[in-house]
PDB file of N, CA and C in Angstrom:
ATOM      1  N   MET A   1      -4.819  17.471 -63.977  1.00  0.00           N
ATOM      2  CA  MET A   1      -3.738  16.991 -64.807  1.00  0.00           C
ATOM      3  C   MET A   1      -2.445  17.676 -64.407  1.00  0.00           C
ATOM      4  N   ALA A   2      -1.430  16.903 -64.127  1.00  0.00           N
ATOM      5  CA  ALA A   2      -0.142  17.487 -63.705  1.00  0.00           C
ATOM      6  C   ALA A   2       0.822  17.521 -64.848  1.00  0.00           C
ATOM      7  N   ALA A   3       1.638  18.519 -64.880  1.00  0.00           N
ATOM      8  CA  ALA A   3       2.689  18.606 -65.896  1.00  0.00           C
ATOM      9  C   ALA A   3       3.848  17.722 -65.454  1.00  0.00           C
ATOM     10  N   VAL A   4       4.426  17.036 -66.402  1.00  0.00           N
ATOM     11  CA  VAL A   4       5.553  16.159 -66.071  1.00  0.00           C
ATOM     12  C   VAL A   4       6.847  16.920 -66.194  1.00  0.00           C
ATOM     13  N   GLU A   5       7.640  16.942 -65.134  1.00  0.00           N
ATOM     14  CA  GLU A   5       8.905  17.648 -65.148  1.00  0.00           C
ATOM     15  C   GLU A   5       9.958  16.900 -65.953  1.00  0.00           C
ATOM     16  N   ASN A   6      10.069  15.589 -65.691  1.00  0.00           N
ATOM     17  CA  ASN A   6      11.034  14.783 -66.442  1.00  0.00           C
ATOM     18  C   ASN A   6      10.682  13.307 -66.335  1.00  0.00           C
ATOM     19  N   ALA A   7      11.239  12.530 -67.220  1.00  0.00           N
ATOM     20  CA  ALA A   7      11.043  11.089 -67.207  1.00  0.00           C
ATOM     21  C   ALA A   7      12.408  10.462 -66.869  1.00  0.00           C
ATOM     22  N   THR A   8      12.397   9.384 -66.114  1.00  0.00           N
ATOM     23  CA  THR A   8      13.646   8.719 -65.733  1.00  0.00           C
ATOM     24  C   THR A   8      13.947   7.616 -66.686  1.00  0.00           C
ATOM     25  N   ASP A   9      15.132   7.080 -66.593  1.00  0.00           N
ATOM     26  CA  ASP A   9      15.575   6.006 -67.541  1.00  0.00           C
ATOM     27  C   ASP A   9      14.742   4.734 -67.373  1.00  0.00           C
ATOM     28  N   ASP A  10      14.175   4.506 -66.162  1.00  0.00           N
ATOM     29  CA  ASP A  10      13.408   3.278 -65.964  1.00  0.00           C
ATOM     30  C   ASP A  10      11.942   3.433 -66.373  1.00  0.00           C
ATOM     31  N   GLY A  11      11.589   4.593 -66.926  1.00  0.00           N
ATOM     32  CA  GLY A  11      10.252   4.790 -67.484  1.00  0.00           C
ATOM     33  C   GLY A  11       9.287   5.462 -66.518  1.00  0.00           C
ATOM     34  N   THR A  12       9.698   5.732 -65.259  1.00  0.00           N
ATOM     35  CA  THR A  12       8.819   6.408 -64.328  1.00  0.00           C
ATOM     36  C   THR A  12       8.853   7.934 -64.607  1.00  0.00           C
ATOM     37  N   LEU A  13       7.810   8.580 -64.174  1.00  0.00           N
ATOM     38  CA  LEU A  13       7.711  10.033 -64.368  1.00  0.00           C
ATOM     39  C   LEU A  13       7.858  10.733 -63.049  1.00  0.00           C
ATOM     40  N   ASN A  14       8.467  11.903 -63.092  1.00  0.00           N
ATOM     41  CA  ASN A  14       8.660  12.725 -61.890  1.00  0.00           C
ATOM     42  C   ASN A  14       7.904  14.014 -62.064  1.00  0.00           C
ATOM     43  N   ALA A  15       6.671  14.070 -61.633  1.00  0.00           N
ATOM     44  CA  ALA A  15       5.835  15.259 -61.856  1.00  0.00           C
ATOM     45  C   ALA A  15       6.257  16.408 -60.954  1.00  0.00           C
ATOM     46  N   PHE A  16       6.728  16.089 -59.745  1.00  0.00           N
ATOM     47  CA  PHE A  16       7.129  17.109 -58.786  1.00  0.00           C
ATOM     48  C   PHE A  16       8.485  16.758 -58.241  1.00  0.00           C
ATOM     49  N   PRO A  17       9.565  17.109 -58.932  1.00  0.00           N
ATOM     50  CA  PRO A  17      10.892  16.727 -58.467  1.00  0.00           C
ATOM     51  C   PRO A  17      11.212  17.349 -57.118  1.00  0.00           C
ATOM     52  N   SER A  18      11.915  16.600 -56.316  1.00  0.00           N
ATOM     53  CA  SER A  18      12.260  17.063 -54.971  1.00  0.00           C
ATOM     54  C   SER A  18      13.458  17.983 -55.045  1.00  0.00           C
ATOM     55  N   GLU A  19      13.364  19.126 -54.413  1.00  0.00           N
ATOM     56  CA  GLU A  19      14.479  20.037 -54.311  1.00  0.00           C
ATOM     57  C   GLU A  19      15.368  19.620 -53.151  1.00  0.00           C
ATOM     58  N   ASP A  20      14.842  18.776 -52.276  1.00  0.00           N
ATOM     59  CA  ASP A  20      15.548  18.304 -51.099  1.00  0.00           C
ATOM     60  C   ASP A  20      15.656  16.806 -51.129  1.00  0.00           C
ATOM     61  N   ASP A  21      16.820  16.283 -51.421  1.00  0.00           N
ATOM     62  CA  ASP A  21      16.988  14.832 -51.582  1.00  0.00           C
ATOM     63  C   ASP A  21      16.859  14.038 -50.287  1.00  0.00           C
ATOM     64  N   ARG A  22      16.842  14.712 -49.146  1.00  0.00           N
ATOM     65  CA  ARG A  22      16.710  13.960 -47.865  1.00  0.00           C
ATOM     66  C   ARG A  22      15.263  13.542 -47.597  1.00  0.00           C
ATOM     67  N   ILE A  23      14.297  14.131 -48.277  1.00  0.00           N
ATOM     68  CA  ILE A  23      12.899  13.786 -48.063  1.00  0.00           C
ATOM     69  C   ILE A  23      12.455  12.803 -49.146  1.00  0.00           C
ATOM     70  N   ASN A  24      11.992  11.620 -48.734  1.00  0.00           N
ATOM     71  CA  ASN A  24      11.609  10.554 -49.655  1.00  0.00           C
ATOM     72  C   ASN A  24      10.165  10.171 -49.454  1.00  0.00           C
ATOM     73  N   GLY A  25       9.553   9.624 -50.479  1.00  0.00           N
ATOM     74  CA  GLY A  25       8.181   9.148 -50.409  1.00  0.00           C
ATOM     75  C   GLY A  25       7.446   9.478 -51.674  1.00  0.00           C
ATOM     76  N   PRO A  26       6.209   9.301 -51.736  1.00  0.00           N
ATOM     77  CA  PRO A  26       5.330   8.904 -50.615  1.00  0.00           C
ATOM     78  C   PRO A  26       5.384   7.412 -50.383  1.00  0.00           C
ATOM     79  N   TYR A  27       5.222   7.021 -49.118  1.00  0.00           N
ATOM     80  CA  TYR A  27       5.117   5.660 -48.692  1.00  0.00           C
ATOM     81  C   TYR A  27       3.683   5.395 -48.271  1.00  0.00           C
ATOM     82  N   THR A  28       3.248   4.158 -48.302  1.00  0.00           N
ATOM     83  CA  THR A  28       1.900   3.790 -47.907  1.00  0.00           C
ATOM     84  C   THR A  28       1.895   3.437 -46.434  1.00  0.00           C
ATOM     85  N   GLY A  29       0.990   4.076 -45.670  1.00  0.00           N
ATOM     86  CA  GLY A  29       0.835   3.769 -44.274  1.00  0.00           C
ATOM     87  C   GLY A  29      -0.357   2.875 -44.021  1.00  0.00           C
ATOM     88  N   TYR A  30      -0.299   2.049 -43.037  1.00  0.00           N
ATOM     89  CA  TYR A  30      -1.343   1.083 -42.736  1.00  0.00           C
ATOM     90  C   TYR A  30      -1.867   1.274 -41.340  1.00  0.00           C
ATOM     91  N   ASP A  31      -3.160   0.970 -41.140  1.00  0.00           N
ATOM     92  CA  ASP A  31      -3.735   1.023 -39.812  1.00  0.00           C
ATOM     93  C   ASP A  31      -3.466  -0.297 -39.101  1.00  0.00           C
ATOM     94  N   MET A  32      -3.948  -0.462 -37.883  1.00  0.00           N
ATOM     95  CA  MET A  32      -3.631  -1.624 -37.088  1.00  0.00           C
ATOM     96  C   MET A  32      -4.229  -2.922 -37.623  1.00  0.00           C
ATOM     97  N   TYR A  33      -5.117  -2.812 -38.589  1.00  0.00           N
ATOM     98  CA  TYR A  33      -5.742  -3.981 -39.205  1.00  0.00           C
ATOM     99  C   TYR A  33      -5.057  -4.357 -40.533  1.00  0.00           C
ATOM    100  N   GLY A  34      -4.033  -3.617 -40.932  1.00  0.00           N
ATOM    101  CA  GLY A  34      -3.315  -3.885 -42.167  1.00  0.00           C
ATOM    102  C   GLY A  34      -3.917  -3.245 -43.382  1.00  0.00           C
ATOM    103  N   THR A  35      -4.886  -2.367 -43.200  1.00  0.00           N
ATOM    104  CA  THR A  35      -5.533  -1.672 -44.319  1.00  0.00           C
ATOM    105  C   THR A  35      -4.743  -0.397 -44.628  1.00  0.00           C
ATOM    106  N   ALA A  36      -4.439  -0.195 -45.907  1.00  0.00           N
ATOM    107  CA  ALA A  36      -3.776   1.039 -46.309  1.00  0.00           C
ATOM    108  C   ALA A  36      -4.716   2.202 -46.089  1.00  0.00           C
ATOM    109  N   ASP A  37      -4.271   3.167 -45.267  1.00  0.00           N
ATOM    110  CA  ASP A  37      -5.202   4.267 -44.953  1.00  0.00           C
ATOM    111  C   ASP A  37      -4.604   5.659 -45.085  1.00  0.00           C
ATOM    112  N   HIS A  38      -3.318   5.758 -45.436  1.00  0.00           N
ATOM    113  CA  HIS A  38      -2.710   7.082 -45.631  1.00  0.00           C
ATOM    114  C   HIS A  38      -1.402   6.913 -46.386  1.00  0.00           C
ATOM    115  N   THR A  39      -0.868   8.030 -46.843  1.00  0.00           N
ATOM    116  CA  THR A  39       0.475   8.043 -47.408  1.00  0.00           C
ATOM    117  C   THR A  39       1.293   9.029 -46.576  1.00  0.00           C
ATOM    118  N   TYR A  40       2.590   8.831 -46.546  1.00  0.00           N
ATOM    119  CA  TYR A  40       3.445   9.708 -45.756  1.00  0.00           C
ATOM    120  C   TYR A  40       4.808   9.865 -46.421  1.00  0.00           C
ATOM    121  N   TRP A  41       5.505  10.904 -46.026  1.00  0.00           N
ATOM    122  CA  TRP A  41       6.835  11.243 -46.491  1.00  0.00           C
ATOM    123  C   TRP A  41       7.788  11.064 -45.318  1.00  0.00           C
ATOM    124  N   LYS A  42       9.057  10.798 -45.582  1.00  0.00           N
ATOM    125  CA  LYS A  42      10.030  10.520 -44.524  1.00  0.00           C
ATOM    126  C   LYS A  42      11.316  11.278 -44.793  1.00  0.00           C
ATOM    127  N   CYS A  43      11.878  11.890 -43.735  1.00  0.00           N
ATOM    128  CA  CYS A  43      13.155  12.549 -43.800  1.00  0.00           C
ATOM    129  C   CYS A  43      14.211  11.487 -43.498  1.00  0.00           C
ATOM    130  N   GLU A  44      15.129  11.265 -44.421  1.00  0.00           N
ATOM    131  CA  GLU A  44      16.152  10.233 -44.245  1.00  0.00           C
ATOM    132  C   GLU A  44      17.225  10.656 -43.244  1.00  0.00           C
ATOM    133  N   ASN A  45      17.376  11.941 -42.957  1.00  0.00           N
ATOM    134  CA  ASN A  45      18.388  12.390 -42.014  1.00  0.00           C
ATOM    135  C   ASN A  45      17.962  12.097 -40.576  1.00  0.00           C
ATOM    136  N   CYS A  46      16.747  12.462 -40.172  1.00  0.00           N
ATOM    137  CA  CYS A  46      16.341  12.349 -38.780  1.00  0.00           C
ATOM    138  C   CYS A  46      15.244  11.338 -38.540  1.00  0.00           C
ATOM    139  N   GLY A  47      14.629  10.791 -39.610  1.00  0.00           N
ATOM    140  CA  GLY A  47      13.621   9.792 -39.460  1.00  0.00           C
ATOM    141  C   GLY A  47      12.203  10.343 -39.234  1.00  0.00           C
ATOM    142  N   ALA A  48      12.043  11.647 -39.262  1.00  0.00           N
ATOM    143  CA  ALA A  48      10.730  12.247 -39.074  1.00  0.00           C
ATOM    144  C   ALA A  48       9.805  11.839 -40.201  1.00  0.00           C
ATOM    145  N   GLU A  49       8.526  11.640 -39.900  1.00  0.00           N
ATOM    146  CA  GLU A  49       7.511  11.291 -40.882  1.00  0.00           C
ATOM    147  C   GLU A  49       6.375  12.256 -40.795  1.00  0.00           C
ATOM    148  N   ALA A  50       5.742  12.560 -41.973  1.00  0.00           N
ATOM    149  CA  ALA A  50       4.614  13.465 -42.023  1.00  0.00           C
ATOM    150  C   ALA A  50       3.709  13.074 -43.208  1.00  0.00           C
ATOM    151  N   THR A  51       2.430  13.360 -43.056  1.00  0.00           N
ATOM    152  CA  THR A  51       1.480  13.045 -44.143  1.00  0.00           C
ATOM    153  C   THR A  51       1.482  14.125 -45.198  1.00  0.00           C
ATOM    154  N   ARG A  52       2.220  15.219 -44.967  1.00  0.00           N
ATOM    155  CA  ARG A  52       2.338  16.302 -45.940  1.00  0.00           C
ATOM    156  C   ARG A  52       3.811  16.577 -46.134  1.00  0.00           C
ATOM    157  N   LYS A  53       4.316  16.461 -47.350  1.00  0.00           N
ATOM    158  CA  LYS A  53       5.737  16.633 -47.647  1.00  0.00           C
ATOM    159  C   LYS A  53       6.250  17.978 -47.144  1.00  0.00           C
ATOM    160  N   GLY A  54       5.486  19.022 -47.319  1.00  0.00           N
ATOM    161  CA  GLY A  54       5.924  20.361 -46.931  1.00  0.00           C
ATOM    162  C   GLY A  54       6.160  20.511 -45.451  1.00  0.00           C
ATOM    163  N   ALA A  55       5.604  19.633 -44.649  1.00  0.00           N
ATOM    164  CA  ALA A  55       5.781  19.690 -43.198  1.00  0.00           C
ATOM    165  C   ALA A  55       7.197  19.322 -42.791  1.00  0.00           C
ATOM    166  N   LEU A  56       7.973  18.685 -43.643  1.00  0.00           N
ATOM    167  CA  LEU A  56       9.304  18.256 -43.302  1.00  0.00           C
ATOM    168  C   LEU A  56      10.390  19.199 -43.734  1.00  0.00           C
ATOM    169  N   THR A  57      10.075  20.354 -44.266  1.00  0.00           N
ATOM    170  CA  THR A  57      11.081  21.256 -44.787  1.00  0.00           C
ATOM    171  C   THR A  57      11.995  21.782 -43.687  1.00  0.00           C
ATOM    172  N   ASP A  58      11.528  21.894 -42.470  1.00  0.00           N
ATOM    173  CA  ASP A  58      12.335  22.427 -41.362  1.00  0.00           C
ATOM    174  C   ASP A  58      12.624  21.418 -40.285  1.00  0.00           C
ATOM    175  N   CYS A  59      12.542  20.111 -40.584  1.00  0.00           N
ATOM    176  CA  CYS A  59      12.636  19.102 -39.525  1.00  0.00           C
ATOM    177  C   CYS A  59      14.027  18.965 -38.956  1.00  0.00           C
ATOM    178  N   CYS A  60      15.059  19.119 -39.767  1.00  0.00           N
ATOM    179  CA  CYS A  60      16.431  18.980 -39.221  1.00  0.00           C
ATOM    180  C   CYS A  60      17.413  19.825 -39.988  1.00  0.00           C
TER     181      CYS A  60
END
């Protein structure tokens, strides 16, 4: 069970607020057959992608 940090005006919950606004996600990743098989995070500054949000802290 995760603690909720805050709720937004549109009713969504933000359990782990981002301290870095350049990193967005999670997004759903698909394999070559169109099956959802992973989630990933993306750095909006440089376009780097990683399956672990913490891996993008030093990307750019």
